[in-house]
Amino acid sequence: MASTWSTVNGRERRTYQLTDSGRRALAGERAGWHEFRLTVGRFLDPGSPPVTPA
């Protein structure tokens, strides 16, 4: 994560931004949670059609 400081209305504000490695890590976490959600969904509602990724 990268950060920068700025002043807004006389108050200091720190803003964070994801780095490339952070984006890759987030994508991996999202994929894992998506797979988990699909697996749980199969048990909770076995008759529904599979969910496609957004």
PDB file of N, CA and C in Angstrom:
ATOM      1  N   MET A   1       0.840  -1.165   0.000  1.00  0.00           N
ATOM      2  CA  MET A   1       0.000   0.000   0.000  1.00  0.00           C
ATOM      3  C   MET A   1       0.894   1.241   0.000  1.00  0.00           C
ATOM      4  N   ALA A   2       0.514   2.226  -0.736  1.00  0.00           N
ATOM      5  CA  ALA A   2       1.232   3.496  -0.782  1.00  0.00           C
ATOM      6  C   ALA A   2       0.328   4.567  -0.176  1.00  0.00           C
ATOM      7  N   SER A   3       0.942   5.603   0.379  1.00  0.00           N
ATOM      8  CA  SER A   3       0.132   6.666   0.977  1.00  0.00           C
ATOM      9  C   SER A   3       0.740   8.033   0.684  1.00  0.00           C
ATOM     10  N   THR A   4      -0.123   9.034   0.743  1.00  0.00           N
ATOM     11  CA  THR A   4       0.307  10.428   0.584  1.00  0.00           C
ATOM     12  C   THR A   4      -0.459  11.275   1.595  1.00  0.00           C
ATOM     13  N   TRP A   5       0.151  12.394   1.994  1.00  0.00           N
ATOM     14  CA  TRP A   5      -0.482  13.351   2.894  1.00  0.00           C
ATOM     15  C   TRP A   5      -0.948  14.549   2.093  1.00  0.00           C
ATOM     16  N   SER A   6      -2.093  15.110   2.465  1.00  0.00           N
ATOM     17  CA  SER A   6      -2.577  16.347   1.865  1.00  0.00           C
ATOM     18  C   SER A   6      -3.320  17.136   2.937  1.00  0.00           C
ATOM     19  N   THR A   7      -3.551  18.417   2.664  1.00  0.00           N
ATOM     20  CA  THR A   7      -4.305  19.263   3.575  1.00  0.00           C
ATOM     21  C   THR A   7      -5.633  19.610   2.911  1.00  0.00           C
ATOM     22  N   VAL A   8      -6.731  19.321   3.608  1.00  0.00           N
ATOM     23  CA  VAL A   8      -8.073  19.596   3.100  1.00  0.00           C
ATOM     24  C   VAL A   8      -8.812  20.369   4.181  1.00  0.00           C
ATOM     25  N   ASN A   9      -9.267  21.573   3.831  1.00  0.00           N
ATOM     26  CA  ASN A   9      -9.969  22.443   4.786  1.00  0.00           C
ATOM     27  C   ASN A   9      -9.166  22.634   6.066  1.00  0.00           C
ATOM     28  N   GLY A  10      -7.851  22.772   5.928  1.00  0.00           N
ATOM     29  CA  GLY A  10      -6.992  23.013   7.069  1.00  0.00           C
ATOM     30  C   GLY A  10      -6.659  21.784   7.909  1.00  0.00           C
ATOM     31  N   ARG A  11      -7.113  20.626   7.472  1.00  0.00           N
ATOM     32  CA  ARG A  11      -6.850  19.393   8.230  1.00  0.00           C
ATOM     33  C   ARG A  11      -5.972  18.462   7.396  1.00  0.00           C
ATOM     34  N   GLU A  12      -5.034  17.805   8.071  1.00  0.00           N
ATOM     35  CA  GLU A  12      -4.176  16.837   7.401  1.00  0.00           C
ATOM     36  C   GLU A  12      -4.964  15.562   7.096  1.00  0.00           C
ATOM     37  N   ARG A  13      -4.761  15.050   5.894  1.00  0.00           N
ATOM     38  CA  ARG A  13      -5.455  13.846   5.473  1.00  0.00           C
ATOM     39  C   ARG A  13      -4.452  12.906   4.820  1.00  0.00           C
ATOM     40  N   ARG A  14      -4.495  11.651   5.210  1.00  0.00           N
ATOM     41  CA  ARG A  14      -3.642  10.653   4.588  1.00  0.00           C
ATOM     42  C   ARG A  14      -4.506   9.798   3.670  1.00  0.00           C
ATOM     43  N   THR A  15      -4.065   9.646   2.431  1.00  0.00           N
ATOM     44  CA  THR A  15      -4.797   8.878   1.437  1.00  0.00           C
ATOM     45  C   THR A  15      -3.978   7.651   1.066  1.00  0.00           C
ATOM     46  N   TYR A  16      -4.619   6.500   1.038  1.00  0.00           N
ATOM     47  CA  TYR A  16      -3.950   5.248   0.709  1.00  0.00           C
ATOM     48  C   TYR A  16      -4.335   4.791  -0.682  1.00  0.00           C
ATOM     49  N   GLN A  17      -3.404   4.108  -1.325  1.00  0.00           N
ATOM     50  CA  GLN A  17      -3.648   3.592  -2.662  1.00  0.00           C
ATOM     51  C   GLN A  17      -2.998   2.215  -2.771  1.00  0.00           C
ATOM     52  N   LEU A  18      -3.708   1.270  -3.394  1.00  0.00           N
ATOM     53  CA  LEU A  18      -3.156  -0.065  -3.566  1.00  0.00           C
ATOM     54  C   LEU A  18      -1.989  -0.043  -4.549  1.00  0.00           C
ATOM     55  N   THR A  19      -0.967  -0.809  -4.235  1.00  0.00           N
ATOM     56  CA  THR A  19       0.155  -0.996  -5.159  1.00  0.00           C
ATOM     57  C   THR A  19      -0.192  -2.161  -6.086  1.00  0.00           C
ATOM     58  N   ASP A  20       0.665  -2.404  -7.077  1.00  0.00           N
ATOM     59  CA  ASP A  20       0.432  -3.526  -7.988  1.00  0.00           C
ATOM     60  C   ASP A  20       0.406  -4.852  -7.230  1.00  0.00           C
ATOM     61  N   SER A  21       1.322  -5.038  -6.285  1.00  0.00           N
ATOM     62  CA  SER A  21       1.327  -6.287  -5.521  1.00  0.00           C
ATOM     63  C   SER A  21       0.079  -6.385  -4.647  1.00  0.00           C
ATOM     64  N   GLY A  22      -0.406  -5.265  -4.140  1.00  0.00           N
ATOM     65  CA  GLY A  22      -1.644  -5.257  -3.368  1.00  0.00           C
ATOM     66  C   GLY A  22      -2.843  -5.628  -4.221  1.00  0.00           C
ATOM     67  N   ARG A  23      -2.868  -5.152  -5.458  1.00  0.00           N
ATOM     68  CA  ARG A  23      -3.958  -5.509  -6.377  1.00  0.00           C
ATOM     69  C   ARG A  23      -3.948  -7.001  -6.670  1.00  0.00           C
ATOM     70  N   ARG A  24      -2.746  -7.567  -6.859  1.00  0.00           N
ATOM     71  CA  ARG A  24      -2.641  -9.008  -7.107  1.00  0.00           C
ATOM     72  C   ARG A  24      -3.110  -9.796  -5.892  1.00  0.00           C
ATOM     73  N   ALA A  25      -2.714  -9.359  -4.708  1.00  0.00           N
ATOM     74  CA  ALA A  25      -3.143 -10.046  -3.486  1.00  0.00           C
ATOM     75  C   ALA A  25      -4.658  -9.960  -3.328  1.00  0.00           C
ATOM     76  N   LEU A  26      -5.224  -8.799  -3.587  1.00  0.00           N
ATOM     77  CA  LEU A  26      -6.674  -8.619  -3.490  1.00  0.00           C
ATOM     78  C   LEU A  26      -7.397  -9.517  -4.483  1.00  0.00           C
ATOM     79  N   ALA A  27      -6.891  -9.614  -5.707  1.00  0.00           N
ATOM     80  CA  ALA A  27      -7.510 -10.482  -6.715  1.00  0.00           C
ATOM     81  C   ALA A  27      -7.506 -11.934  -6.240  1.00  0.00           C
ATOM     82  N   GLY A  28      -6.412 -12.367  -5.635  1.00  0.00           N
ATOM     83  CA  GLY A  28      -6.341 -13.729  -5.117  1.00  0.00           C
ATOM     84  C   GLY A  28      -7.335 -13.963  -3.996  1.00  0.00           C
ATOM     85  N   GLU A  29      -7.459 -13.001  -3.094  1.00  0.00           N
ATOM     86  CA  GLU A  29      -8.425 -13.119  -1.996  1.00  0.00           C
ATOM     87  C   GLU A  29      -9.854 -13.145  -2.523  1.00  0.00           C
ATOM     88  N   ARG A  30     -10.141 -12.301  -3.493  1.00  0.00           N
ATOM     89  CA  ARG A  30     -11.494 -12.284  -4.069  1.00  0.00           C
ATOM     90  C   ARG A  30     -11.818 -13.612  -4.732  1.00  0.00           C
ATOM     91  N   ALA A  31     -10.853 -14.180  -5.444  1.00  0.00           N
ATOM     92  CA  ALA A  31     -11.072 -15.468  -6.107  1.00  0.00           C
ATOM     93  C   ALA A  31     -11.361 -16.549  -5.074  1.00  0.00           C
ATOM     94  N   GLY A  32     -10.618 -16.538  -3.978  1.00  0.00           N
ATOM     95  CA  GLY A  32     -10.847 -17.518  -2.919  1.00  0.00           C
ATOM     96  C   GLY A  32     -12.223 -17.381  -2.300  1.00  0.00           C
ATOM     97  N   TRP A  33     -12.637 -16.149  -2.024  1.00  0.00           N
ATOM     98  CA  TRP A  33     -13.964 -15.928  -1.441  1.00  0.00           C
ATOM     99  C   TRP A  33     -15.060 -16.279  -2.436  1.00  0.00           C
ATOM    100  N   HIS A  34     -14.831 -16.032  -3.718  1.00  0.00           N
ATOM    101  CA  HIS A  34     -15.820 -16.382  -4.738  1.00  0.00           C
ATOM    102  C   HIS A  34     -16.016 -17.897  -4.760  1.00  0.00           C
ATOM    103  N   GLU A  35     -14.927 -18.639  -4.737  1.00  0.00           N
ATOM    104  CA  GLU A  35     -15.012 -20.099  -4.724  1.00  0.00           C
ATOM    105  C   GLU A  35     -15.735 -20.588  -3.462  1.00  0.00           C
ATOM    106  N   PHE A  36     -15.429 -19.986  -2.326  1.00  0.00           N
ATOM    107  CA  PHE A  36     -16.089 -20.337  -1.071  1.00  0.00           C
ATOM    108  C   PHE A  36     -17.591 -20.081  -1.168  1.00  0.00           C
ATOM    109  N   ARG A  37     -17.959 -18.931  -1.716  1.00  0.00           N
ATOM    110  CA  ARG A  37     -19.376 -18.578  -1.851  1.00  0.00           C
ATOM    111  C   ARG A  37     -20.110 -19.572  -2.744  1.00  0.00           C
ATOM    112  N   LEU A  38     -19.464 -19.973  -3.846  1.00  0.00           N
ATOM    113  CA  LEU A  38     -20.085 -20.948  -4.742  1.00  0.00           C
ATOM    114  C   LEU A  38     -20.281 -22.292  -4.042  1.00  0.00           C
ATOM    115  N   THR A  39     -19.287 -22.713  -3.288  1.00  0.00           N
ATOM    116  CA  THR A  39     -19.366 -23.989  -2.580  1.00  0.00           C
ATOM    117  C   THR A  39     -20.488 -23.968  -1.542  1.00  0.00           C
ATOM    118  N   VAL A  40     -20.560 -22.919  -0.743  1.00  0.00           N
ATOM    119  CA  VAL A  40     -21.617 -22.814   0.260  1.00  0.00           C
ATOM    120  C   VAL A  40     -22.977 -22.728  -0.426  1.00  0.00           C
ATOM    121  N   GLY A  41     -23.059 -21.983  -1.521  1.00  0.00           N
ATOM    122  CA  GLY A  41     -24.316 -21.851  -2.254  1.00  0.00           C
ATOM    123  C   GLY A  41     -24.841 -23.176  -2.769  1.00  0.00           C
ATOM    124  N   ARG A  42     -23.935 -24.073  -3.178  1.00  0.00           N
ATOM    125  CA  ARG A  42     -24.364 -25.393  -3.654  1.00  0.00           C
ATOM    126  C   ARG A  42     -25.046 -26.189  -2.539  1.00  0.00           C
ATOM    127  N   PHE A  43     -24.592 -26.000  -1.299  1.00  0.00           N
ATOM    128  CA  PHE A  43     -25.206 -26.720  -0.189  1.00  0.00           C
ATOM    129  C   PHE A  43     -26.514 -26.070   0.260  1.00  0.00           C
ATOM    130  N   LEU A  44     -26.582 -24.755   0.236  1.00  0.00           N
ATOM    131  CA  LEU A  44     -27.758 -24.051   0.716  1.00  0.00           C
ATOM    132  C   LEU A  44     -28.907 -24.090  -0.262  1.00  0.00           C
ATOM    133  N   ASP A  45     -28.615 -24.086  -1.557  1.00  0.00           N
ATOM    134  CA  ASP A  45     -29.666 -24.094  -2.586  1.00  0.00           C
ATOM    135  C   ASP A  45     -29.215 -24.966  -3.757  1.00  0.00           C
ATOM    136  N   PRO A  46     -29.254 -26.299  -3.574  1.00  0.00           N
ATOM    137  CA  PRO A  46     -28.711 -27.185  -4.596  1.00  0.00           C
ATOM    138  C   PRO A  46     -29.464 -27.146  -5.924  1.00  0.00           C
ATOM    139  N   GLY A  47     -30.695 -26.628  -5.962  1.00  0.00           N
ATOM    140  CA  GLY A  47     -31.460 -26.601  -7.204  1.00  0.00           C
ATOM    141  C   GLY A  47     -31.249 -25.372  -8.062  1.00  0.00           C
ATOM    142  N   SER A  48     -30.533 -24.373  -7.543  1.00  0.00           N
ATOM    143  CA  SER A  48     -30.361 -23.139  -8.308  1.00  0.00           C
ATOM    144  C   SER A  48     -29.225 -23.272  -9.316  1.00  0.00           C
ATOM    145  N   PRO A  49     -29.299 -22.502 -10.411  1.00  0.00           N
ATOM    146  CA  PRO A  49     -28.221 -22.548 -11.401  1.00  0.00           C
ATOM    147  C   PRO A  49     -26.933 -21.954 -10.834  1.00  0.00           C
ATOM    148  N   PRO A  50     -25.778 -22.384 -11.347  1.00  0.00           N
ATOM    149  CA  PRO A  50     -24.513 -21.841 -10.830  1.00  0.00           C
ATOM    150  C   PRO A  50     -24.359 -20.349 -11.091  1.00  0.00           C
ATOM    151  N   VAL A  51     -23.675 -19.661 -10.200  1.00  0.00           N
ATOM    152  CA  VAL A  51     -23.433 -18.225 -10.306  1.00  0.00           C
ATOM    153  C   VAL A  51     -22.177 -17.999 -11.123  1.00  0.00           C
ATOM    154  N   THR A  52     -22.235 -17.080 -12.089  1.00  0.00           N
ATOM    155  CA  THR A  52     -21.056 -16.769 -12.884  1.00  0.00           C
ATOM    156  C   THR A  52     -20.338 -15.589 -12.262  1.00  0.00           C
ATOM    157  N   PRO A  53     -19.004 -15.520 -12.386  1.00  0.00           N
ATOM    158  CA  PRO A  53     -18.257 -14.389 -11.790  1.00  0.00           C
ATOM    159  C   PRO A  53     -18.640 -13.069 -12.418  1.00  0.00           C
ATOM    160  N   ALA A  54     -18.594 -12.021 -11.623  1.00  0.00           N
ATOM    161  CA  ALA A  54     -18.926 -10.663 -12.101  1.00  0.00           C
ATOM    162  C   ALA A  54     -17.770 -10.047 -12.820  1.00  0.00           C
TER     163      ALA A  54
END
